[in-house]
C-alpha atoms as a PDB file:
ATOM      1  CA  VAL A   1       0.000   0.000   0.000  1.00  0.00           C
ATOM      2  CA  ASN A   2       1.367   3.389  -1.009  1.00  0.00           C
ATOM      3  CA  HIS A   3       1.171   6.277   1.400  1.00  0.00           C
ATOM      4  CA  VAL A   4       1.770   9.832   0.189  1.00  0.00           C
ATOM      5  CA  THR A   5       2.408  12.577   2.726  1.00  0.00           C
ATOM      6  CA  CYS A   6       1.398  16.171   2.121  1.00  0.00           C
ATOM      7  CA  ALA A   7       4.382  18.529   2.010  1.00  0.00           C
ATOM      8  CA  LEU A   8       2.296  21.319   3.572  1.00  0.00           C
ATOM      9  CA  CYS A   9       1.005  19.405   6.615  1.00  0.00           C
ATOM     10  CA  ASP A  10       1.190  15.934   8.135  1.00  0.00           C
ATOM     11  CA  MET A  11      -1.771  14.504   6.222  1.00  0.00           C
ATOM     12  CA  VAL A  12      -1.126  11.035   4.796  1.00  0.00           C
ATOM     13  CA  CYS A  13      -3.100  10.003   1.708  1.00  0.00           C
ATOM     14  CA  THR A  14      -3.412   6.601   0.108  1.00  0.00           C
ATOM     15  CA  SER A  15      -3.021   7.861  -3.468  1.00  0.00           C
ATOM     16  CA  VAL A  16      -1.634  10.765  -5.447  1.00  0.00           C
ATOM     17  CA  SER A  17      -5.138  11.705  -6.612  1.00  0.00           C
ATOM     18  CA  SER A  18      -6.426  11.940  -3.036  1.00  0.00           C
ATOM     19  CA  LEU A  19      -3.368  14.041  -2.133  1.00  0.00           C
ATOM     20  CA  LYS A  20      -4.142  16.424  -5.005  1.00  0.00           C
ATOM     21  CA  ALA A  21      -7.736  16.748  -3.795  1.00  0.00           C
ATOM     22  CA  HIS A  22      -6.508  17.342  -0.229  1.00  0.00           C
ATOM     23  CA  ILE A  23      -4.176  20.123  -1.372  1.00  0.00           C
ATOM     24  CA  ARG A  24      -6.894  21.748  -3.498  1.00  0.00           C
ATOM     25  CA  PHE A  25      -9.440  21.785  -0.659  1.00  0.00           C
ATOM     26  CA  ARG A  26      -7.179  22.474   2.332  1.00  0.00           C
ATOM     27  CA  HIS A  27      -4.256  24.531   1.103  1.00  0.00           C
ATOM     28  CA  ARG A  28      -5.470  26.534  -1.897  1.00  0.00           C
ATOM     29  CA  ASP A  29      -7.862  29.444  -2.070  1.00  0.00           C
ATOM     30  CA  GLU A  30      -8.895  28.855  -5.692  1.00  0.00           C
ATOM     31  CA  CYS A  31     -12.639  28.709  -6.303  1.00  0.00           C
ATOM     32  CA  PRO A  32     -13.140  27.803  -9.967  1.00  0.00           C
ATOM     33  CA  PHE A  33     -16.921  27.205  -9.703  1.00  0.00           C
ATOM     34  CA  HIS A  34     -18.746  30.539  -9.885  1.00  0.00           C
ATOM     35  CA  CYS A  35     -22.386  31.344  -9.246  1.00  0.00           C
ATOM     36  CA  HIS A  36     -24.112  32.873 -12.270  1.00  0.00           C
ATOM     37  CA  LEU A  37     -26.483  34.788  -9.978  1.00  0.00           C
ATOM     38  CA  CYS A  38     -23.953  36.499  -7.674  1.00  0.00           C
ATOM     39  CA  ASP A  39     -20.209  36.902  -7.161  1.00  0.00           C
ATOM     40  CA  SER A  40     -19.714  33.791  -5.014  1.00  0.00           C
ATOM     41  CA  GLY A  41     -17.111  31.183  -5.931  1.00  0.00           C
ATOM     42  CA  PHE A  42     -16.724  27.589  -4.743  1.00  0.00           C
ATOM     43  CA  LYS A  43     -14.080  24.871  -4.734  1.00  0.00           C
ATOM     44  CA  ASN A  44     -16.370  22.192  -6.159  1.00  0.00           C
ATOM     45  CA  ALA A  45     -19.567  21.762  -8.163  1.00  0.00           C
ATOM     46  CA  TYR A  46     -21.518  20.296  -5.239  1.00  0.00           C
ATOM     47  CA  ASP A  47     -20.978  23.380  -3.055  1.00  0.00           C
ATOM     48  CA  LEU A  48     -21.953  25.614  -5.974  1.00  0.00           C
ATOM     49  CA  HIS A  49     -25.133  23.591  -6.524  1.00  0.00           C
ATOM     50  CA  LYS A  50     -26.094  23.906  -2.846  1.00  0.00           C
ATOM     51  CA  HIS A  51     -25.419  27.646  -2.982  1.00  0.00           C
ATOM     52  CA  VAL A  52     -27.575  28.163  -6.079  1.00  0.00           C
ATOM     53  CA  GLU A  53     -30.496  26.633  -4.151  1.00  0.00           C
ATOM     54  CA  THR A  54     -30.337  29.616  -1.779  1.00  0.00           C
ATOM     55  CA  HIS A  55     -31.269  31.934  -4.666  1.00  0.00           C
ATOM     56  CA  ASN A  56     -34.602  30.119  -5.082  1.00  0.00           C
ATOM     57  CA  ASP A  57     -37.372  32.590  -4.233  1.00  0.00           C
ATOM     58  CA  SER A  58     -39.877  29.960  -3.175  1.00  0.00           C
ATOM     59  CA  ASP A  59     -39.646  27.780  -0.101  1.00  0.00           C
ATOM     60  CA  ALA A  60     -39.187  24.415  -1.775  1.00  0.00           C
ATOM     61  CA  TYR A  61     -38.961  22.392   1.452  1.00  0.00           C
ATOM     62  CA  SER A  62     -41.407  22.337   4.338  1.00  0.00           C
ATOM     63  CA  CYS A  63     -41.596  20.480   7.629  1.00  0.00           C
ATOM     64  CA  ASP A  64     -44.152  17.672   7.585  1.00  0.00           C
ATOM     65  CA  VAL A  65     -44.801  17.793  11.343  1.00  0.00           C
ATOM     66  CA  GLU A  66     -48.400  18.872  11.877  1.00  0.00           C
ATOM     67  CA  GLY A  67     -48.666  22.467  13.031  1.00  0.00           C
ATOM     68  CA  CYS A  68     -44.993  23.308  12.526  1.00  0.00           C
ATOM     69  CA  GLY A  69     -45.112  25.479   9.404  1.00  0.00           C
ATOM     70  CA  PHE A  70     -41.310  25.653   8.994  1.00  0.00           C
ATOM     71  CA  THR A  71     -40.169  26.156   5.390  1.00  0.00           C
ATOM     72  CA  SER A  72     -36.766  26.592   3.788  1.00  0.00           C
ATOM     73  CA  ARG A  73     -35.139  27.038   0.427  1.00  0.00           C
ATOM     74  CA  THR A  74     -32.672  24.178   0.898  1.00  0.00           C
ATOM     75  CA  LEU A  75     -32.925  20.563   1.962  1.00  0.00           C
ATOM     76  CA  ARG A  76     -29.919  21.038   4.225  1.00  0.00           C
ATOM     77  CA  THR A  77     -31.704  23.731   6.241  1.00  0.00           C
ATOM     78  CA  LEU A  78     -34.782  21.517   6.562  1.00  0.00           C
ATOM     79  CA  ARG A  79     -32.619  18.649   7.836  1.00  0.00           C
ATOM     80  CA  GLN A  80     -30.981  20.972  10.374  1.00  0.00           C
ATOM     81  CA  HIS A  81     -34.475  22.008  11.503  1.00  0.00           C
ATOM     82  CA  HIS A  82     -35.462  18.357  11.983  1.00  0.00           C
ATOM     83  CA  LYS A  83     -32.379  17.756  14.143  1.00  0.00           C
ATOM     84  CA  ARG A  84     -33.074  20.807  16.310  1.00  0.00           C
ATOM     85  CA  ALA A  85     -36.841  20.445  16.650  1.00  0.00           C
END
């Protein structure tokens, strides 16, 4: 088994590709994924996708607990609500 150590910290990765991803996410400030609705930039497509959901004007997600009435624009916020409530 190969182990590759990051030159910038003590992180040990099991492959060169995972080391490259580690360096991109932990040690670089580059954000190549840009929102077309505002000036925000993100390190990966998933984070950009989650951000774009926040621009949705309607509340796409609502709590199914009777009498609650909580709504949110993102599934993540609804899940956080479920954990808290």
